[in-house]
C-alpha atoms as a PDB file:
ATOM      1  CA  UNK A   1      47.553 -53.311-109.903  1.00  0.00           C
ATOM      2  CA  UNK A   2      43.764 -52.473-108.415  1.00  0.00           C
ATOM      3  CA  UNK A   3      45.001 -52.937-105.189  1.00  0.00           C
ATOM      4  CA  UNK A   4      48.199 -50.646-105.572  1.00  0.00           C
ATOM      5  CA  UNK A   5      45.824 -47.574-106.728  1.00  0.00           C
ATOM      6  CA  UNK A   6      43.518 -48.037-103.831  1.00  0.00           C
ATOM      7  CA  UNK A   7      46.176 -48.199-101.075  1.00  0.00           C
ATOM      8  CA  UNK A   8      47.140 -44.604-103.214  1.00  0.00           C
ATOM      9  CA  UNK A   9      43.732 -43.563-102.844  1.00  0.00           C
ATOM     10  CA  UNK A  10      43.670 -44.164 -99.095  1.00  0.00           C
ATOM     11  CA  UNK A  11      46.773 -42.646 -98.377  1.00  0.00           C
ATOM     12  CA  UNK A  12      46.190 -39.665-100.078  1.00  0.00           C
ATOM     13  CA  UNK A  13      42.569 -39.248 -98.698  1.00  0.00           C
ATOM     14  CA  UNK A  14      41.106 -38.748-101.900  1.00  0.00           C
ATOM     15  CA  UNK A  15      37.350 -39.456-101.235  1.00  0.00           C
ATOM     16  CA  UNK A  16      35.145 -38.961-104.320  1.00  0.00           C
ATOM     17  CA  UNK A  17      32.698 -41.199-103.514  1.00  0.00           C
ATOM     18  CA  UNK A  18      29.995 -38.973-102.180  1.00  0.00           C
ATOM     19  CA  UNK A  19      26.720 -39.951-100.122  1.00  0.00           C
ATOM     20  CA  UNK A  20      23.651 -38.167-101.876  1.00  0.00           C
ATOM     21  CA  UNK A  21      21.729 -38.079 -98.488  1.00  0.00           C
ATOM     22  CA  UNK A  22      24.217 -36.692 -96.103  1.00  0.00           C
ATOM     23  CA  UNK A  23      27.217 -35.337 -98.039  1.00  0.00           C
ATOM     24  CA  UNK A  24      29.594 -37.902 -96.383  1.00  0.00           C
ATOM     25  CA  UNK A  25      32.403 -38.992 -98.754  1.00  0.00           C
ATOM     26  CA  UNK A  26      34.545 -42.602 -98.944  1.00  0.00           C
ATOM     27  CA  UNK A  27      37.576 -43.335-100.699  1.00  0.00           C
ATOM     28  CA  UNK A  28      35.495 -46.516-101.625  1.00  0.00           C
ATOM     29  CA  UNK A  29      32.369 -47.107-103.305  1.00  0.00           C
ATOM     30  CA  UNK A  30      32.019 -50.455-101.531  1.00  0.00           C
ATOM     31  CA  UNK A  31      32.354 -47.851 -98.503  1.00  0.00           C
ATOM     32  CA  UNK A  32      30.150 -45.397 -99.815  1.00  0.00           C
ATOM     33  CA  UNK A  33      26.836 -48.075-100.743  1.00  0.00           C
ATOM     34  CA  UNK A  34      27.251 -49.563 -97.272  1.00  0.00           C
ATOM     35  CA  UNK A  35      27.140 -46.588 -95.619  1.00  0.00           C
ATOM     36  CA  UNK A  36      23.979 -45.194 -97.642  1.00  0.00           C
ATOM     37  CA  UNK A  37      21.662 -48.129 -96.186  1.00  0.00           C
ATOM     38  CA  UNK A  38      21.922 -46.211 -92.779  1.00  0.00           C
ATOM     39  CA  UNK A  39      19.846 -44.143 -94.785  1.00  0.00           C
ATOM     40  CA  UNK A  40      17.517 -46.276 -96.994  1.00  0.00           C
ATOM     41  CA  UNK A  41      17.496 -49.244 -94.018  1.00  0.00           C
ATOM     42  CA  UNK A  42      18.322 -51.542 -96.400  1.00  0.00           C
ATOM     43  CA  UNK A  43      19.331 -55.216 -94.696  1.00  0.00           C
ATOM     44  CA  UNK A  44      20.305 -57.274 -97.325  1.00  0.00           C
ATOM     45  CA  UNK A  45      22.020 -59.620 -95.204  1.00  0.00           C
ATOM     46  CA  UNK A  46      19.487 -62.505 -93.773  1.00  0.00           C
ATOM     47  CA  UNK A  47      20.358 -64.999 -90.982  1.00  0.00           C
ATOM     48  CA  UNK A  48      19.896 -68.966 -91.982  1.00  0.00           C
ATOM     49  CA  UNK A  49      18.238 -69.451 -88.514  1.00  0.00           C
ATOM     50  CA  UNK A  50      15.898 -66.476 -87.633  1.00  0.00           C
ATOM     51  CA  UNK A  51      13.908 -64.008 -89.220  1.00  0.00           C
ATOM     52  CA  UNK A  52      16.926 -60.836 -88.732  1.00  0.00           C
ATOM     53  CA  UNK A  53      18.981 -59.490 -91.389  1.00  0.00           C
ATOM     54  CA  UNK A  54      21.257 -56.820 -91.487  1.00  0.00           C
ATOM     55  CA  UNK A  55      23.356 -54.240 -93.233  1.00  0.00           C
ATOM     56  CA  UNK A  56      26.486 -55.848 -93.140  1.00  0.00           C
ATOM     57  CA  UNK A  57      28.217 -59.431 -93.410  1.00  0.00           C
ATOM     58  CA  UNK A  58      30.386 -59.339 -91.101  1.00  0.00           C
ATOM     59  CA  UNK A  59      27.247 -58.347 -88.647  1.00  0.00           C
ATOM     60  CA  UNK A  60      25.612 -61.565 -89.887  1.00  0.00           C
ATOM     61  CA  UNK A  61      28.173 -64.099 -89.535  1.00  0.00           C
ATOM     62  CA  UNK A  62      28.641 -62.654 -85.967  1.00  0.00           C
ATOM     63  CA  UNK A  63      24.973 -63.010 -85.298  1.00  0.00           C
ATOM     64  CA  UNK A  64      25.054 -66.350 -86.818  1.00  0.00           C
ATOM     65  CA  UNK A  65      27.518 -68.029 -84.167  1.00  0.00           C
ATOM     66  CA  UNK A  66      24.604 -67.214 -81.908  1.00  0.00           C
ATOM     67  CA  UNK A  67      22.814 -70.101 -83.473  1.00  0.00           C
ATOM     68  CA  UNK A  68      25.372 -72.253 -84.626  1.00  0.00           C
ATOM     69  CA  UNK A  69      27.600 -71.916 -80.878  1.00  0.00           C
ATOM     70  CA  UNK A  70      30.872 -71.266 -82.747  1.00  0.00           C
ATOM     71  CA  UNK A  71      33.511 -69.433 -80.664  1.00  0.00           C
ATOM     72  CA  UNK A  72      36.710 -68.728 -82.604  1.00  0.00           C
ATOM     73  CA  UNK A  73      38.579 -66.286 -80.180  1.00  0.00           C
ATOM     74  CA  UNK A  74      40.207 -68.015 -78.101  1.00  0.00           C
ATOM     75  CA  UNK A  75      42.022 -66.198 -74.920  1.00  0.00           C
ATOM     76  CA  UNK A  76      45.725 -66.358 -74.617  1.00  0.00           C
ATOM     77  CA  UNK A  77      45.598 -66.906 -71.292  1.00  0.00           C
ATOM     78  CA  UNK A  78      42.937 -69.502 -70.039  1.00  0.00           C
ATOM     79  CA  UNK A  79      40.545 -71.423 -71.918  1.00  0.00           C
ATOM     80  CA  UNK A  80      37.732 -69.091 -72.275  1.00  0.00           C
ATOM     81  CA  UNK A  81      36.706 -68.704 -76.384  1.00  0.00           C
ATOM     82  CA  UNK A  82      34.215 -66.166 -77.300  1.00  0.00           C
ATOM     83  CA  UNK A  83      32.014 -65.549 -80.264  1.00  0.00           C
ATOM     84  CA  UNK A  84      33.000 -62.156 -80.975  1.00  0.00           C
ATOM     85  CA  UNK A  85      36.778 -60.647 -80.949  1.00  0.00           C
ATOM     86  CA  UNK A  86      35.458 -57.796 -78.693  1.00  0.00           C
ATOM     87  CA  UNK A  87      34.396 -59.367 -75.984  1.00  0.00           C
ATOM     88  CA  UNK A  88      38.004 -61.386 -76.322  1.00  0.00           C
ATOM     89  CA  UNK A  89      39.736 -58.290 -75.752  1.00  0.00           C
ATOM     90  CA  UNK A  90      38.007 -56.978 -72.615  1.00  0.00           C
ATOM     91  CA  UNK A  91      38.266 -60.556 -71.060  1.00  0.00           C
ATOM     92  CA  UNK A  92      41.945 -60.807 -71.789  1.00  0.00           C
ATOM     93  CA  UNK A  93      42.383 -57.795 -69.406  1.00  0.00           C
ATOM     94  CA  UNK A  94      41.018 -59.555 -66.427  1.00  0.00           C
ATOM     95  CA  UNK A  95      44.564 -61.314 -67.075  1.00  0.00           C
ATOM     96  CA  UNK A  96      46.495 -58.484 -68.125  1.00  0.00           C
ATOM     97  CA  UNK A  97      45.135 -55.297 -65.709  1.00  0.00           C
ATOM     98  CA  UNK A  98      44.657 -53.217 -68.393  1.00  0.00           C
ATOM     99  CA  UNK A  99      42.029 -50.650 -67.732  1.00  0.00           C
ATOM    100  CA  UNK A 100      42.495 -48.278 -70.570  1.00  0.00           C
ATOM    101  CA  UNK A 101      39.352 -46.229 -70.358  1.00  0.00           C
ATOM    102  CA  UNK A 102      39.457 -43.297 -66.918  1.00  0.00           C
ATOM    103  CA  UNK A 103      36.687 -41.373 -65.112  1.00  0.00           C
ATOM    104  CA  UNK A 104      37.314 -37.948 -65.301  1.00  0.00           C
ATOM    105  CA  UNK A 105      35.838 -37.177 -61.939  1.00  0.00           C
ATOM    106  CA  UNK A 106      38.075 -39.567 -60.272  1.00  0.00           C
ATOM    107  CA  UNK A 107      41.087 -41.795 -60.312  1.00  0.00           C
ATOM    108  CA  UNK A 108      39.030 -44.633 -61.015  1.00  0.00           C
ATOM    109  CA  UNK A 109      39.474 -46.300 -64.527  1.00  0.00           C
ATOM    110  CA  UNK A 110      37.968 -49.556 -66.155  1.00  0.00           C
ATOM    111  CA  UNK A 111      38.282 -52.112 -68.388  1.00  0.00           C
ATOM    112  CA  UNK A 112      35.906 -51.789 -70.826  1.00  0.00           C
ATOM    113  CA  UNK A 113      33.605 -48.149 -71.962  1.00  0.00           C
ATOM    114  CA  UNK A 114      30.190 -49.846 -70.773  1.00  0.00           C
ATOM    115  CA  UNK A 115      31.604 -50.081 -67.332  1.00  0.00           C
ATOM    116  CA  UNK A 116      32.896 -46.838 -67.618  1.00  0.00           C
ATOM    117  CA  UNK A 117      29.877 -45.178 -68.273  1.00  0.00           C
ATOM    118  CA  UNK A 118      27.776 -46.923 -65.869  1.00  0.00           C
ATOM    119  CA  UNK A 119      29.911 -45.416 -62.929  1.00  0.00           C
ATOM    120  CA  UNK A 120      30.112 -41.994 -64.596  1.00  0.00           C
ATOM    121  CA  UNK A 121      26.322 -42.378 -63.480  1.00  0.00           C
ATOM    122  CA  UNK A 122      27.658 -42.216 -59.644  1.00  0.00           C
ATOM    123  CA  UNK A 123      28.541 -39.081 -60.820  1.00  0.00           C
ATOM    124  CA  UNK A 124      26.533 -37.591 -62.671  1.00  0.00           C
ATOM    125  CA  UNK A 125      23.165 -39.165 -60.519  1.00  0.00           C
ATOM    126  CA  UNK A 126      21.643 -40.181 -63.897  1.00  0.00           C
ATOM    127  CA  UNK A 127      18.946 -42.668 -63.989  1.00  0.00           C
ATOM    128  CA  UNK A 128      18.046 -43.704 -67.601  1.00  0.00           C
ATOM    129  CA  UNK A 129      16.214 -46.785 -66.905  1.00  0.00           C
ATOM    130  CA  UNK A 130      12.691 -46.359 -65.692  1.00  0.00           C
ATOM    131  CA  UNK A 131      10.160 -49.068 -64.238  1.00  0.00           C
ATOM    132  CA  UNK A 132       6.607 -48.992 -66.527  1.00  0.00           C
ATOM    133  CA  UNK A 133       5.317 -50.730 -63.382  1.00  0.00           C
ATOM    134  CA  UNK A 134       6.032 -48.131 -60.386  1.00  0.00           C
ATOM    135  CA  UNK A 135       7.923 -45.032 -61.992  1.00  0.00           C
ATOM    136  CA  UNK A 136      11.510 -46.042 -59.986  1.00  0.00           C
ATOM    137  CA  UNK A 137      14.387 -45.015 -61.989  1.00  0.00           C
ATOM    138  CA  UNK A 138      17.967 -46.582 -61.835  1.00  0.00           C
ATOM    139  CA  UNK A 139      21.433 -46.235 -63.050  1.00  0.00           C
ATOM    140  CA  UNK A 140      21.717 -49.904 -64.745  1.00  0.00           C
ATOM    141  CA  UNK A 141      19.111 -51.796 -66.522  1.00  0.00           C
ATOM    142  CA  UNK A 142      20.499 -54.876 -64.872  1.00  0.00           C
ATOM    143  CA  UNK A 143      19.365 -53.210 -61.691  1.00  0.00           C
ATOM    144  CA  UNK A 144      15.977 -52.707 -63.650  1.00  0.00           C
ATOM    145  CA  UNK A 145      15.709 -56.002 -64.673  1.00  0.00           C
ATOM    146  CA  UNK A 146      16.681 -57.406 -61.000  1.00  0.00           C
ATOM    147  CA  UNK A 147      13.797 -55.058 -59.601  1.00  0.00           C
ATOM    148  CA  UNK A 148      10.270 -55.700 -62.342  1.00  0.00           C
ATOM    149  CA  UNK A 149      10.936 -59.469 -61.053  1.00  0.00           C
ATOM    150  CA  UNK A 150       9.437 -57.722 -57.682  1.00  0.00           C
ATOM    151  CA  UNK A 151       6.456 -57.163 -59.551  1.00  0.00           C
ATOM    152  CA  UNK A 152       5.826 -61.045 -60.910  1.00  0.00           C
ATOM    153  CA  UNK A 153       6.971 -62.678 -57.652  1.00  0.00           C
ATOM    154  CA  UNK A 154       8.617 -64.718 -59.698  1.00  0.00           C
ATOM    155  CA  UNK A 155      11.214 -67.216 -58.104  1.00  0.00           C
ATOM    156  CA  UNK A 156      12.587 -70.023 -60.556  1.00  0.00           C
ATOM    157  CA  UNK A 157      15.625 -70.307 -58.839  1.00  0.00           C
ATOM    158  CA  UNK A 158      16.040 -72.979 -56.477  1.00  0.00           C
ATOM    159  CA  UNK A 159      18.606 -74.216 -53.791  1.00  0.00           C
ATOM    160  CA  UNK A 160      19.579 -77.837 -54.527  1.00  0.00           C
ATOM    161  CA  UNK A 161      20.350 -78.031 -50.476  1.00  0.00           C
ATOM    162  CA  UNK A 162      17.025 -76.386 -48.820  1.00  0.00           C
ATOM    163  CA  UNK A 163      14.848 -75.312 -51.464  1.00  0.00           C
ATOM    164  CA  UNK A 164      14.727 -71.990 -50.748  1.00  0.00           C
ATOM    165  CA  UNK A 165      13.552 -70.160 -54.383  1.00  0.00           C
ATOM    166  CA  UNK A 166      15.137 -66.932 -54.999  1.00  0.00           C
ATOM    167  CA  UNK A 167      14.382 -64.647 -58.306  1.00  0.00           C
ATOM    168  CA  UNK A 168      17.888 -64.003 -59.441  1.00  0.00           C
ATOM    169  CA  UNK A 169      20.461 -66.707 -60.077  1.00  0.00           C
ATOM    170  CA  UNK A 170      23.331 -65.110 -58.675  1.00  0.00           C
ATOM    171  CA  UNK A 171      21.453 -64.487 -55.306  1.00  0.00           C
ATOM    172  CA  UNK A 172      20.903 -68.368 -55.147  1.00  0.00           C
ATOM    173  CA  UNK A 173      23.952 -69.177 -55.701  1.00  0.00           C
ATOM    174  CA  UNK A 174      25.524 -66.894 -52.962  1.00  0.00           C
ATOM    175  CA  UNK A 175      22.566 -68.224 -50.554  1.00  0.00           C
ATOM    176  CA  UNK A 176      23.838 -71.763 -51.319  1.00  0.00           C
ATOM    177  CA  UNK A 177      27.592 -70.952 -50.140  1.00  0.00           C
ATOM    178  CA  UNK A 178      26.022 -70.236 -46.898  1.00  0.00           C
ATOM    179  CA  UNK A 179      25.171 -74.429 -47.009  1.00  0.00           C
ATOM    180  CA  UNK A 180      29.186 -75.004 -47.846  1.00  0.00           C
ATOM    181  CA  UNK A 181      30.963 -72.417 -46.138  1.00  0.00           C
ATOM    182  CA  UNK A 182      32.976 -71.512 -49.221  1.00  0.00           C
ATOM    183  CA  UNK A 183      34.437 -68.129 -48.557  1.00  0.00           C
ATOM    184  CA  UNK A 184      36.634 -67.637 -51.357  1.00  0.00           C
ATOM    185  CA  UNK A 185      36.937 -63.645 -51.667  1.00  0.00           C
ATOM    186  CA  UNK A 186      40.011 -62.141 -49.513  1.00  0.00           C
ATOM    187  CA  UNK A 187      40.368 -59.078 -48.045  1.00  0.00           C
ATOM    188  CA  UNK A 188      44.304 -58.116 -48.666  1.00  0.00           C
ATOM    189  CA  UNK A 189      44.632 -55.755 -45.894  1.00  0.00           C
ATOM    190  CA  UNK A 190      42.924 -57.547 -42.994  1.00  0.00           C
ATOM    191  CA  UNK A 191      41.797 -61.430 -44.174  1.00  0.00           C
ATOM    192  CA  UNK A 192      38.570 -60.946 -43.883  1.00  0.00           C
ATOM    193  CA  UNK A 193      37.162 -63.951 -46.005  1.00  0.00           C
ATOM    194  CA  UNK A 194      33.718 -62.845 -47.898  1.00  0.00           C
ATOM    195  CA  UNK A 195      31.201 -65.568 -49.941  1.00  0.00           C
ATOM    196  CA  UNK A 196      30.696 -62.621 -52.584  1.00  0.00           C
ATOM    197  CA  UNK A 197      33.153 -60.687 -54.671  1.00  0.00           C
ATOM    198  CA  UNK A 198      30.731 -57.379 -54.063  1.00  0.00           C
ATOM    199  CA  UNK A 199      30.780 -57.902 -49.855  1.00  0.00           C
ATOM    200  CA  UNK A 200      34.571 -57.980 -50.175  1.00  0.00           C
ATOM    201  CA  UNK A 201      34.997 -54.866 -52.623  1.00  0.00           C
ATOM    202  CA  UNK A 202      32.615 -52.849 -50.152  1.00  0.00           C
ATOM    203  CA  UNK A 203      34.505 -53.932 -46.987  1.00  0.00           C
ATOM    204  CA  UNK A 204      37.574 -52.603 -48.583  1.00  0.00           C
ATOM    205  CA  UNK A 205      36.336 -49.010 -48.362  1.00  0.00           C
ATOM    206  CA  UNK A 206      36.816 -49.453 -44.430  1.00  0.00           C
ATOM    207  CA  UNK A 207      40.454 -49.279 -45.572  1.00  0.00           C
ATOM    208  CA  UNK A 208      40.840 -47.114 -48.068  1.00  0.00           C
ATOM    209  CA  UNK A 209      38.278 -44.572 -47.003  1.00  0.00           C
ATOM    210  CA  UNK A 210      36.430 -44.721 -50.364  1.00  0.00           C
ATOM    211  CA  UNK A 211      32.751 -43.206 -50.446  1.00  0.00           C
ATOM    212  CA  UNK A 212      31.788 -43.299 -54.454  1.00  0.00           C
ATOM    213  CA  UNK A 213      28.146 -42.919 -54.086  1.00  0.00           C
ATOM    214  CA  UNK A 214      26.823 -39.430 -54.015  1.00  0.00           C
ATOM    215  CA  UNK A 215      23.882 -37.871 -52.889  1.00  0.00           C
ATOM    216  CA  UNK A 216      21.376 -36.522 -55.930  1.00  0.00           C
ATOM    217  CA  UNK A 217      19.860 -34.189 -53.518  1.00  0.00           C
ATOM    218  CA  UNK A 218      23.316 -32.832 -50.835  1.00  0.00           C
ATOM    219  CA  UNK A 219      26.578 -33.158 -50.848  1.00  0.00           C
ATOM    220  CA  UNK A 220      26.757 -36.297 -48.454  1.00  0.00           C
ATOM    221  CA  UNK A 221      28.918 -39.455 -49.871  1.00  0.00           C
ATOM    222  CA  UNK A 222      28.377 -43.116 -48.910  1.00  0.00           C
ATOM    223  CA  UNK A 223      30.453 -46.082 -49.284  1.00  0.00           C
ATOM    224  CA  UNK A 224      27.480 -48.140 -50.307  1.00  0.00           C
ATOM    225  CA  UNK A 225      24.644 -48.184 -52.799  1.00  0.00           C
ATOM    226  CA  UNK A 226      22.283 -49.398 -49.890  1.00  0.00           C
ATOM    227  CA  UNK A 227      23.326 -46.618 -47.291  1.00  0.00           C
ATOM    228  CA  UNK A 228      22.752 -43.979 -50.060  1.00  0.00           C
ATOM    229  CA  UNK A 229      19.371 -45.483 -51.053  1.00  0.00           C
ATOM    230  CA  UNK A 230      18.465 -45.402 -47.537  1.00  0.00           C
ATOM    231  CA  UNK A 231      20.015 -42.148 -47.114  1.00  0.00           C
ATOM    232  CA  UNK A 232      17.880 -40.645 -50.249  1.00  0.00           C
ATOM    233  CA  UNK A 233      14.439 -41.535 -48.643  1.00  0.00           C
ATOM    234  CA  UNK A 234      14.844 -38.727 -46.238  1.00  0.00           C
ATOM    235  CA  UNK A 235      14.843 -36.480 -49.147  1.00  0.00           C
ATOM    236  CA  UNK A 236      12.177 -38.573 -51.522  1.00  0.00           C
ATOM    237  CA  UNK A 237       9.907 -39.663 -48.744  1.00  0.00           C
ATOM    238  CA  UNK A 238       9.511 -42.617 -50.166  1.00  0.00           C
ATOM    239  CA  UNK A 239       7.727 -45.272 -48.337  1.00  0.00           C
ATOM    240  CA  UNK A 240       8.906 -49.317 -49.009  1.00  0.00           C
ATOM    241  CA  UNK A 241       7.713 -50.922 -45.819  1.00  0.00           C
ATOM    242  CA  UNK A 242       3.922 -51.267 -44.938  1.00  0.00           C
ATOM    243  CA  UNK A 243       2.428 -52.518 -42.036  1.00  0.00           C
ATOM    244  CA  UNK A 244       0.217 -55.977 -42.399  1.00  0.00           C
ATOM    245  CA  UNK A 245      -1.997 -54.974 -39.422  1.00  0.00           C
ATOM    246  CA  UNK A 246      -3.408 -51.434 -40.750  1.00  0.00           C
ATOM    247  CA  UNK A 247      -2.442 -49.089 -43.046  1.00  0.00           C
ATOM    248  CA  UNK A 248       0.570 -47.273 -41.816  1.00  0.00           C
ATOM    249  CA  UNK A 249       4.191 -47.335 -43.922  1.00  0.00           C
ATOM    250  CA  UNK A 250       7.507 -46.863 -43.651  1.00  0.00           C
ATOM    251  CA  UNK A 251      11.030 -45.206 -45.000  1.00  0.00           C
ATOM    252  CA  UNK A 252      12.935 -47.866 -42.945  1.00  0.00           C
ATOM    253  CA  UNK A 253      12.504 -51.583 -42.015  1.00  0.00           C
ATOM    254  CA  UNK A 254      13.697 -50.661 -38.637  1.00  0.00           C
ATOM    255  CA  UNK A 255      10.786 -48.101 -38.098  1.00  0.00           C
ATOM    256  CA  UNK A 256       8.028 -51.149 -39.584  1.00  0.00           C
ATOM    257  CA  UNK A 257       9.985 -53.546 -37.201  1.00  0.00           C
ATOM    258  CA  UNK A 258       9.716 -50.479 -33.913  1.00  0.00           C
ATOM    259  CA  UNK A 259       5.604 -49.919 -35.159  1.00  0.00           C
ATOM    260  CA  UNK A 260       4.536 -53.339 -34.959  1.00  0.00           C
ATOM    261  CA  UNK A 261       6.074 -53.916 -31.283  1.00  0.00           C
ATOM    262  CA  UNK A 262       4.725 -50.757 -29.950  1.00  0.00           C
ATOM    263  CA  UNK A 263       1.378 -51.120 -31.852  1.00  0.00           C
ATOM    264  CA  UNK A 264       0.565 -54.424 -32.643  1.00  0.00           C
ATOM    265  CA  UNK A 265       2.900 -56.069 -29.602  1.00  0.00           C
ATOM    266  CA  UNK A 266       4.836 -58.306 -32.228  1.00  0.00           C
ATOM    267  CA  UNK A 267       7.271 -60.153 -30.334  1.00  0.00           C
ATOM    268  CA  UNK A 268       8.733 -62.305 -33.079  1.00  0.00           C
END
């Protein structure tokens, strides 16, 4: 009977439980109580494994899977499983090809809202992630983290074939393919093969003519992010390459090499 009354109230949109902090109204007392924790900061659900606490029991349950390793959400198409339903839903779009998030500036679409948000910065030029060591800004948090390793000189990943070390695991994996000869990314237009998915994607722009990287200072566009970064130094005057023999610095590596050959008789 109580459930029936609750369903009727939901259908009729009767919201007689009102938040005393912001005026938002709810159909259920439980919904109001849960909402008010935003204002009070109360987090009554405590993790059994660490010091974290949560406003909702479902968030606690989801978090504790980090400790237990439980992955109850299984992909319908492959053997992968996930701790949360959200990542499963995004993963399954790899199989279905669904891309429900559409860019309003171009024709691209994406599997997740996060990927769309990241892509939009190509159009807006927004770089919200700032390095506290040198002040450089980045479009993606992952790019900032990758850059910050430069300041520490840490190279924790070693090649199992030659011992060369890398600051990033992905770079180490890609390097190891130079030993194995593995090139599992194939261009559907010309058949050229690549060791990296990113290299294939960049190559395919030769066929499509796509130039998604736009200069923040002028109207020029580029097929590769590296070309954009190199071009923008024309505007910023940023010097990345320093001569070890004198105090000169250069925007481009080719200019440094020319300087070394001409003035320091470097012949390597």
